[in-house]
PDB file of N, CA and C in Angstrom:
ATOM      1  N   UNK A   1      91.474  97.452  82.979  1.00  0.00           N
ATOM      2  CA  UNK A   1      92.705  97.935  83.679  1.00  0.00           C
ATOM      3  C   UNK A   1      93.405  96.897  83.878  1.00  0.00           C
ATOM      4  N   UNK A   2      94.684  96.831  84.283  1.00  0.00           N
ATOM      5  CA  UNK A   2      95.055  95.524  84.508  1.00  0.00           C
ATOM      6  C   UNK A   2      95.579  95.383  85.456  1.00  0.00           C
ATOM      7  N   UNK A   3      95.154  94.351  86.677  1.00  0.00           N
ATOM      8  CA  UNK A   3      94.757  93.316  87.915  1.00  0.00           C
ATOM      9  C   UNK A   3      96.372  93.953  89.073  1.00  0.00           C
ATOM     10  N   UNK A   4      97.284  93.846  87.797  1.00  0.00           N
ATOM     11  CA  UNK A   4      98.584  93.656  88.373  1.00  0.00           C
ATOM     12  C   UNK A   4      98.855  95.266  89.220  1.00  0.00           C
ATOM     13  N   UNK A   5      98.537  96.416  88.162  1.00  0.00           N
ATOM     14  CA  UNK A   5      98.979  97.585  87.914  1.00  0.00           C
ATOM     15  C   UNK A   5      97.801  97.987  89.787  1.00  0.00           C
ATOM     16  N   UNK A   6      97.216  97.160  90.580  1.00  0.00           N
ATOM     17  CA  UNK A   6      96.847  97.234  92.026  1.00  0.00           C
ATOM     18  C   UNK A   6      97.741  97.950  92.700  1.00  0.00           C
ATOM     19  N   UNK A   7      98.845  96.997  92.909  1.00  0.00           N
ATOM     20  CA  UNK A   7      99.736  96.516  93.464  1.00  0.00           C
ATOM     21  C   UNK A   7     100.585  96.324  93.439  1.00  0.00           C
ATOM     22  N   UNK A   8     101.976  96.559  93.160  1.00  0.00           N
ATOM     23  CA  UNK A   8     103.426  95.482  92.760  1.00  0.00           C
ATOM     24  C   UNK A   8     103.669  94.378  93.525  1.00  0.00           C
ATOM     25  N   UNK A   9     102.057  93.756  93.552  1.00  0.00           N
ATOM     26  CA  UNK A   9     102.235  92.636  94.002  1.00  0.00           C
ATOM     27  C   UNK A   9     102.499  90.789  93.078  1.00  0.00           C
ATOM     28  N   UNK A  10     103.282  90.016  93.133  1.00  0.00           N
ATOM     29  CA  UNK A  10     102.966  88.689  92.390  1.00  0.00           C
ATOM     30  C   UNK A  10     101.942  87.999  92.816  1.00  0.00           C
ATOM     31  N   UNK A  11     101.031  87.433  92.566  1.00  0.00           N
ATOM     32  CA  UNK A  11      99.693  86.957  93.067  1.00  0.00           C
ATOM     33  C   UNK A  11      99.862  85.639  91.604  1.00  0.00           C
ATOM     34  N   UNK A  12      98.806  84.650  92.197  1.00  0.00           N
ATOM     35  CA  UNK A  12      98.704  83.840  90.789  1.00  0.00           C
ATOM     36  C   UNK A  12      96.845  84.298  90.948  1.00  0.00           C
ATOM     37  N   UNK A  13      95.896  83.595  89.782  1.00  0.00           N
ATOM     38  CA  UNK A  13      95.566  83.643  89.104  1.00  0.00           C
ATOM     39  C   UNK A  13      94.317  83.871  90.038  1.00  0.00           C
ATOM     40  N   UNK A  14      94.400  82.462  90.788  1.00  0.00           N
ATOM     41  CA  UNK A  14      93.325  82.327  92.588  1.00  0.00           C
ATOM     42  C   UNK A  14      93.248  83.120  93.126  1.00  0.00           C
ATOM     43  N   UNK A  15      94.166  83.527  93.743  1.00  0.00           N
ATOM     44  CA  UNK A  15      94.182  85.071  94.611  1.00  0.00           C
ATOM     45  C   UNK A  15      93.854  86.049  93.664  1.00  0.00           C
ATOM     46  N   UNK A  16      94.266  86.538  92.887  1.00  0.00           N
ATOM     47  CA  UNK A  16      94.128  87.741  91.894  1.00  0.00           C
ATOM     48  C   UNK A  16      92.198  87.939  91.968  1.00  0.00           C
ATOM     49  N   UNK A  17      91.702  86.195  91.662  1.00  0.00           N
ATOM     50  CA  UNK A  17      90.159  86.172  90.922  1.00  0.00           C
ATOM     51  C   UNK A  17      89.497  86.134  92.511  1.00  0.00           C
ATOM     52  N   UNK A  18      89.909  85.892  94.262  1.00  0.00           N
ATOM     53  CA  UNK A  18      89.583  86.110  95.173  1.00  0.00           C
ATOM     54  C   UNK A  18      89.375  87.291  95.850  1.00  0.00           C
ATOM     55  N   UNK A  19      91.043  87.955  95.446  1.00  0.00           N
ATOM     56  CA  UNK A  19      90.822  89.205  95.692  1.00  0.00           C
ATOM     57  C   UNK A  19      90.173  89.757  95.151  1.00  0.00           C
ATOM     58  N   UNK A  20      89.384  90.105  93.662  1.00  0.00           N
ATOM     59  CA  UNK A  20      88.499  91.129  93.256  1.00  0.00           C
ATOM     60  C   UNK A  20      86.484  90.451  93.772  1.00  0.00           C
ATOM     61  N   UNK A  21      86.945  89.630  94.213  1.00  0.00           N
ATOM     62  CA  UNK A  21      85.458  88.892  94.789  1.00  0.00           C
ATOM     63  C   UNK A  21      85.789  89.922  95.839  1.00  0.00           C
ATOM     64  N   UNK A  22      86.173  89.529  96.425  1.00  0.00           N
ATOM     65  CA  UNK A  22      86.357  89.666  98.152  1.00  0.00           C
ATOM     66  C   UNK A  22      85.878  91.829  98.246  1.00  0.00           C
ATOM     67  N   UNK A  23      86.641  91.695  96.920  1.00  0.00           N
ATOM     68  CA  UNK A  23      86.721  93.333  97.181  1.00  0.00           C
ATOM     69  C   UNK A  23      84.844  93.318  96.705  1.00  0.00           C
ATOM     70  N   UNK A  24      84.490  93.118  96.011  1.00  0.00           N
ATOM     71  CA  UNK A  24      83.344  93.522  95.307  1.00  0.00           C
ATOM     72  C   UNK A  24      81.568  92.982  96.039  1.00  0.00           C
ATOM     73  N   UNK A  25      82.467  91.515  97.238  1.00  0.00           N
ATOM     74  CA  UNK A  25      81.231  91.460  98.213  1.00  0.00           C
ATOM     75  C   UNK A  25      81.449  92.305  98.756  1.00  0.00           C
ATOM     76  N   UNK A  26      81.836  93.318  99.132  1.00  0.00           N
ATOM     77  CA  UNK A  26      82.553  94.663 100.388  1.00  0.00           C
ATOM     78  C   UNK A  26      81.556  96.175  99.638  1.00  0.00           C
ATOM     79  N   UNK A  27      81.668  95.863  98.565  1.00  0.00           N
ATOM     80  CA  UNK A  27      80.907  96.541  97.752  1.00  0.00           C
ATOM     81  C   UNK A  27      82.486  98.082  97.916  1.00  0.00           C
ATOM     82  N   UNK A  28      83.195  97.475  97.440  1.00  0.00           N
ATOM     83  CA  UNK A  28      84.750  98.098  97.980  1.00  0.00           C
ATOM     84  C   UNK A  28      85.304  98.343  96.389  1.00  0.00           C
ATOM     85  N   UNK A  29      86.502  99.536  95.953  1.00  0.00           N
ATOM     86  CA  UNK A  29      87.408  99.009  94.744  1.00  0.00           C
ATOM     87  C   UNK A  29      88.307  97.819  95.529  1.00  0.00           C
ATOM     88  N   UNK A  30      89.214  97.630  95.192  1.00  0.00           N
ATOM     89  CA  UNK A  30      90.357  96.447  94.924  1.00  0.00           C
ATOM     90  C   UNK A  30      91.197  97.611  95.736  1.00  0.00           C
ATOM     91  N   UNK A  31      91.710  98.531  95.181  1.00  0.00           N
ATOM     92  CA  UNK A  31      92.465  99.422  96.205  1.00  0.00           C
ATOM     93  C   UNK A  31      91.684 100.198  97.819  1.00  0.00           C
ATOM     94  N   UNK A  32      90.778 100.099  98.136  1.00  0.00           N
ATOM     95  CA  UNK A  32      89.772 100.615  99.038  1.00  0.00           C
ATOM     96  C   UNK A  32      90.108  99.426  99.957  1.00  0.00           C
ATOM     97  N   UNK A  33      90.096  98.068  99.582  1.00  0.00           N
ATOM     98  CA  UNK A  33      90.552  96.475 100.356  1.00  0.00           C
ATOM     99  C   UNK A  33      91.693  96.757 101.029  1.00  0.00           C
ATOM    100  N   UNK A  34      92.859  96.413  99.533  1.00  0.00           N
ATOM    101  CA  UNK A  34      93.716  96.346 100.101  1.00  0.00           C
ATOM    102  C   UNK A  34      94.248  97.296 101.406  1.00  0.00           C
ATOM    103  N   UNK A  35      93.866  98.256 101.001  1.00  0.00           N
ATOM    104  CA  UNK A  35      94.438  99.472 102.336  1.00  0.00           C
ATOM    105  C   UNK A  35      93.743  98.794 103.165  1.00  0.00           C
ATOM    106  N   UNK A  36      92.420  98.304 102.977  1.00  0.00           N
ATOM    107  CA  UNK A  36      91.984  98.114 104.342  1.00  0.00           C
ATOM    108  C   UNK A  36      92.225  97.153 105.066  1.00  0.00           C
ATOM    109  N   UNK A  37      93.186  96.179 104.737  1.00  0.00           N
ATOM    110  CA  UNK A  37      93.224  94.501 104.989  1.00  0.00           C
ATOM    111  C   UNK A  37      94.111  94.965 105.327  1.00  0.00           C
ATOM    112  N   UNK A  38      95.379  95.698 104.479  1.00  0.00           N
ATOM    113  CA  UNK A  38      96.919  95.777 104.476  1.00  0.00           C
ATOM    114  C   UNK A  38      96.534  96.402 106.477  1.00  0.00           C
ATOM    115  N   UNK A  39      95.262  97.886 106.727  1.00  0.00           N
ATOM    116  CA  UNK A  39      95.461  98.401 107.917  1.00  0.00           C
ATOM    117  C   UNK A  39      95.150  97.633 108.778  1.00  0.00           C
ATOM    118  N   UNK A  40      93.942  96.707 109.015  1.00  0.00           N
ATOM    119  CA  UNK A  40      93.756  95.692 110.054  1.00  0.00           C
ATOM    120  C   UNK A  40      94.849  94.839 110.162  1.00  0.00           C
ATOM    121  N   UNK A  41      95.355  94.289 109.230  1.00  0.00           N
ATOM    122  CA  UNK A  41      97.162  93.307 109.441  1.00  0.00           C
ATOM    123  C   UNK A  41      97.874  94.132 110.661  1.00  0.00           C
ATOM    124  N   UNK A  42      98.285  94.971 109.787  1.00  0.00           N
ATOM    125  CA  UNK A  42      99.188  96.216 110.549  1.00  0.00           C
ATOM    126  C   UNK A  42      98.958  96.860 112.175  1.00  0.00           C
ATOM    127  N   UNK A  43      97.792  97.131 112.394  1.00  0.00           N
ATOM    128  CA  UNK A  43      96.672  97.266 113.698  1.00  0.00           C
ATOM    129  C   UNK A  43      97.118  96.160 114.290  1.00  0.00           C
ATOM    130  N   UNK A  44      96.610  95.171 114.128  1.00  0.00           N
ATOM    131  CA  UNK A  44      96.357  93.272 114.796  1.00  0.00           C
ATOM    132  C   UNK A  44      98.220  93.107 115.671  1.00  0.00           C
ATOM    133  N   UNK A  45      99.052  93.535 114.176  1.00  0.00           N
ATOM    134  CA  UNK A  45     100.463  92.925 114.665  1.00  0.00           C
ATOM    135  C   UNK A  45     100.992  93.521 115.705  1.00  0.00           C
ATOM    136  N   UNK A  46     100.702  95.452 115.303  1.00  0.00           N
ATOM    137  CA  UNK A  46     100.859  96.158 116.957  1.00  0.00           C
ATOM    138  C   UNK A  46     100.570  95.950 117.766  1.00  0.00           C
ATOM    139  N   UNK A  47      98.799  96.188 117.649  1.00  0.00           N
ATOM    140  CA  UNK A  47      98.612  95.030 118.989  1.00  0.00           C
ATOM    141  C   UNK A  47      99.027  94.008 119.645  1.00  0.00           C
ATOM    142  N   UNK A  48      99.645  92.946 118.859  1.00  0.00           N
ATOM    143  CA  UNK A  48      99.961  91.647 119.379  1.00  0.00           C
ATOM    144  C   UNK A  48     101.307  91.491 119.508  1.00  0.00           C
ATOM    145  N   UNK A  49     102.824  92.132 119.057  1.00  0.00           N
ATOM    146  CA  UNK A  49     103.492  92.954 119.433  1.00  0.00           C
ATOM    147  C   UNK A  49     103.928  93.990 120.440  1.00  0.00           C
ATOM    148  N   UNK A  50     102.902  94.667 120.815  1.00  0.00           N
ATOM    149  CA  UNK A  50     102.643  95.206 122.532  1.00  0.00           C
ATOM    150  C   UNK A  50     102.313  94.164 123.289  1.00  0.00           C
ATOM    151  N   UNK A  51     100.938  92.997 123.031  1.00  0.00           N
ATOM    152  CA  UNK A  51     101.016  92.785 124.694  1.00  0.00           C
ATOM    153  C   UNK A  51     102.149  91.291 124.754  1.00  0.00           C
ATOM    154  N   UNK A  52     102.566  90.842 123.821  1.00  0.00           N
ATOM    155  CA  UNK A  52     104.094  90.067 124.307  1.00  0.00           C
ATOM    156  C   UNK A  52     104.671  90.691 124.511  1.00  0.00           C
ATOM    157  N   UNK A  53     105.668  92.192 124.514  1.00  0.00           N
ATOM    158  CA  UNK A  53     106.110  92.860 125.071  1.00  0.00           C
ATOM    159  C   UNK A  53     105.301  92.517 127.373  1.00  0.00           C
ATOM    160  N   UNK A  54     104.118  92.641 127.161  1.00  0.00           N
ATOM    161  CA  UNK A  54     104.146  92.968 128.332  1.00  0.00           C
ATOM    162  C   UNK A  54     104.014  91.798 129.450  1.00  0.00           C
ATOM    163  N   UNK A  55     104.330  91.014 128.304  1.00  0.00           N
ATOM    164  CA  UNK A  55     104.932  89.306 129.157  1.00  0.00           C
ATOM    165  C   UNK A  55     106.235  89.869 129.458  1.00  0.00           C
ATOM    166  N   UNK A  56     106.793  89.706 128.015  1.00  0.00           N
ATOM    167  CA  UNK A  56     108.131  89.619 127.819  1.00  0.00           C
ATOM    168  C   UNK A  56     108.379  90.776 130.140  1.00  0.00           C
ATOM    169  N   UNK A  57     107.787  91.878 129.690  1.00  0.00           N
ATOM    170  CA  UNK A  57     108.232  92.862 130.835  1.00  0.00           C
ATOM    171  C   UNK A  57     107.888  91.884 132.063  1.00  0.00           C
ATOM    172  N   UNK A  58     106.725  92.187 131.875  1.00  0.00           N
ATOM    173  CA  UNK A  58     105.969  91.564 133.281  1.00  0.00           C
ATOM    174  C   UNK A  58     107.328  90.073 133.408  1.00  0.00           C
ATOM    175  N   UNK A  59     107.694  89.142 133.115  1.00  0.00           N
ATOM    176  CA  UNK A  59     108.073  87.953 132.789  1.00  0.00           C
ATOM    177  C   UNK A  59     109.927  88.682 133.974  1.00  0.00           C
ATOM    178  N   UNK A  60     110.102  89.500 133.215  1.00  0.00           N
ATOM    179  CA  UNK A  60     111.424  90.620 133.453  1.00  0.00           C
ATOM    180  C   UNK A  60     111.599  90.785 134.659  1.00  0.00           C
ATOM    181  N   UNK A  61     110.085  90.976 135.670  1.00  0.00           N
ATOM    182  CA  UNK A  61     109.878  91.439 137.078  1.00  0.00           C
ATOM    183  C   UNK A  61     109.943  90.765 137.508  1.00  0.00           C
ATOM    184  N   UNK A  62     109.790  89.236 137.229  1.00  0.00           N
ATOM    185  CA  UNK A  62     109.436  88.377 138.354  1.00  0.00           C
ATOM    186  C   UNK A  62     107.598  87.653 138.308  1.00  0.00           C
ATOM    187  N   UNK A  63     107.482  88.302 137.465  1.00  0.00           N
ATOM    188  CA  UNK A  63     105.608  88.068 137.819  1.00  0.00           C
ATOM    189  C   UNK A  63     105.076  86.648 137.020  1.00  0.00           C
ATOM    190  N   UNK A  64     105.378  85.757 136.920  1.00  0.00           N
ATOM    191  CA  UNK A  64     105.131  84.334 137.049  1.00  0.00           C
ATOM    192  C   UNK A  64     103.860  83.438 136.747  1.00  0.00           C
ATOM    193  N   UNK A  65     102.902  83.219 136.644  1.00  0.00           N
ATOM    194  CA  UNK A  65     102.338  82.350 136.609  1.00  0.00           C
ATOM    195  C   UNK A  65     102.796  80.923 136.020  1.00  0.00           C
ATOM    196  N   UNK A  66     101.446  79.764 136.612  1.00  0.00           N
ATOM    197  CA  UNK A  66     101.976  78.558 136.522  1.00  0.00           C
ATOM    198  C   UNK A  66     101.621  77.629 134.444  1.00  0.00           C
ATOM    199  N   UNK A  67     101.553  77.483 134.546  1.00  0.00           N
ATOM    200  CA  UNK A  67     101.351  76.184 133.188  1.00  0.00           C
ATOM    201  C   UNK A  67      99.490  76.162 132.970  1.00  0.00           C
ATOM    202  N   UNK A  68      99.224  75.855 134.143  1.00  0.00           N
ATOM    203  CA  UNK A  68      98.060  75.503 134.338  1.00  0.00           C
ATOM    204  C   UNK A  68      97.010  76.978 134.673  1.00  0.00           C
ATOM    205  N   UNK A  69      97.522  78.015 135.150  1.00  0.00           N
ATOM    206  CA  UNK A  69      96.899  79.018 135.033  1.00  0.00           C
ATOM    207  C   UNK A  69      96.798  79.697 133.932  1.00  0.00           C
ATOM    208  N   UNK A  70      97.883  79.962 133.148  1.00  0.00           N
ATOM    209  CA  UNK A  70      97.845  80.256 131.114  1.00  0.00           C
ATOM    210  C   UNK A  70      96.599  79.735 130.301  1.00  0.00           C
ATOM    211  N   UNK A  71      97.028  78.126 130.765  1.00  0.00           N
ATOM    212  CA  UNK A  71      95.743  77.516 130.379  1.00  0.00           C
ATOM    213  C   UNK A  71      94.764  77.811 130.341  1.00  0.00           C
ATOM    214  N   UNK A  72      94.245  78.153 131.326  1.00  0.00           N
ATOM    215  CA  UNK A  72      92.865  78.932 131.598  1.00  0.00           C
ATOM    216  C   UNK A  72      92.455  79.875 131.346  1.00  0.00           C
ATOM    217  N   UNK A  73      93.127  80.928 131.099  1.00  0.00           N
ATOM    218  CA  UNK A  73      93.434  81.791 130.401  1.00  0.00           C
ATOM    219  C   UNK A  73      92.805  81.754 129.315  1.00  0.00           C
ATOM    220  N   UNK A  74      93.799  80.865 128.105  1.00  0.00           N
ATOM    221  CA  UNK A  74      93.474  80.795 127.004  1.00  0.00           C
ATOM    222  C   UNK A  74      92.312  80.466 126.623  1.00  0.00           C
ATOM    223  N   UNK A  75      92.143  79.371 127.367  1.00  0.00           N
ATOM    224  CA  UNK A  75      90.791  78.655 127.369  1.00  0.00           C
ATOM    225  C   UNK A  75      89.450  79.814 127.545  1.00  0.00           C
ATOM    226  N   UNK A  76      89.184  81.200 128.716  1.00  0.00           N
ATOM    227  CA  UNK A  76      89.039  81.753 128.777  1.00  0.00           C
ATOM    228  C   UNK A  76      88.538  82.927 127.599  1.00  0.00           C
ATOM    229  N   UNK A  77      89.896  82.922 127.234  1.00  0.00           N
ATOM    230  CA  UNK A  77      89.975  84.155 125.850  1.00  0.00           C
ATOM    231  C   UNK A  77      89.155  83.007 125.313  1.00  0.00           C
ATOM    232  N   UNK A  78      89.662  81.629 124.096  1.00  0.00           N
ATOM    233  CA  UNK A  78      89.171  81.081 123.879  1.00  0.00           C
ATOM    234  C   UNK A  78      87.090  80.964 123.416  1.00  0.00           C
ATOM    235  N   UNK A  79      86.583  81.033 124.748  1.00  0.00           N
ATOM    236  CA  UNK A  79      85.788  81.092 125.437  1.00  0.00           C
ATOM    237  C   UNK A  79      85.095  81.783 124.353  1.00  0.00           C
ATOM    238  N   UNK A  80      85.246  83.609 125.044  1.00  0.00           N
ATOM    239  CA  UNK A  80      85.070  85.147 124.978  1.00  0.00           C
ATOM    240  C   UNK A  80      84.493  84.433 123.412  1.00  0.00           C
ATOM    241  N   UNK A  81      86.115  84.699 122.356  1.00  0.00           N
ATOM    242  CA  UNK A  81      86.422  84.996 121.054  1.00  0.00           C
ATOM    243  C   UNK A  81      84.881  83.765 120.454  1.00  0.00           C
ATOM    244  N   UNK A  82      84.665  82.416 120.757  1.00  0.00           N
ATOM    245  CA  UNK A  82      83.451  81.901 120.125  1.00  0.00           C
ATOM    246  C   UNK A  82      82.602  82.591 120.687  1.00  0.00           C
ATOM    247  N   UNK A  83      82.259  83.318 121.270  1.00  0.00           N
ATOM    248  CA  UNK A  83      80.718  84.008 121.981  1.00  0.00           C
ATOM    249  C   UNK A  83      80.300  84.640 120.720  1.00  0.00           C
ATOM    250  N   UNK A  84      81.404  85.545 120.921  1.00  0.00           N
ATOM    251  CA  UNK A  84      80.959  87.091 119.713  1.00  0.00           C
ATOM    252  C   UNK A  84      80.355  87.047 118.553  1.00  0.00           C
TER     253      UNK A  84
END
């Protein structure tokens, strides 16, 4: 099967090879792997857009926080993510 027939996407040989290796590592077909990866990216972008909109809405209501509070919030999220 021609690897380019999987999805009409121009990719160089190293990316194509990596794609097939990643799918094989997960014991998935390349089609299933691409659907999973695209679905994850779409979900993450949708969640990020909603999160950003919450911040915009909060700022529009005048609910602002200081730079120090924001840095502390990011640091806490970073530590939480690193612990997972």
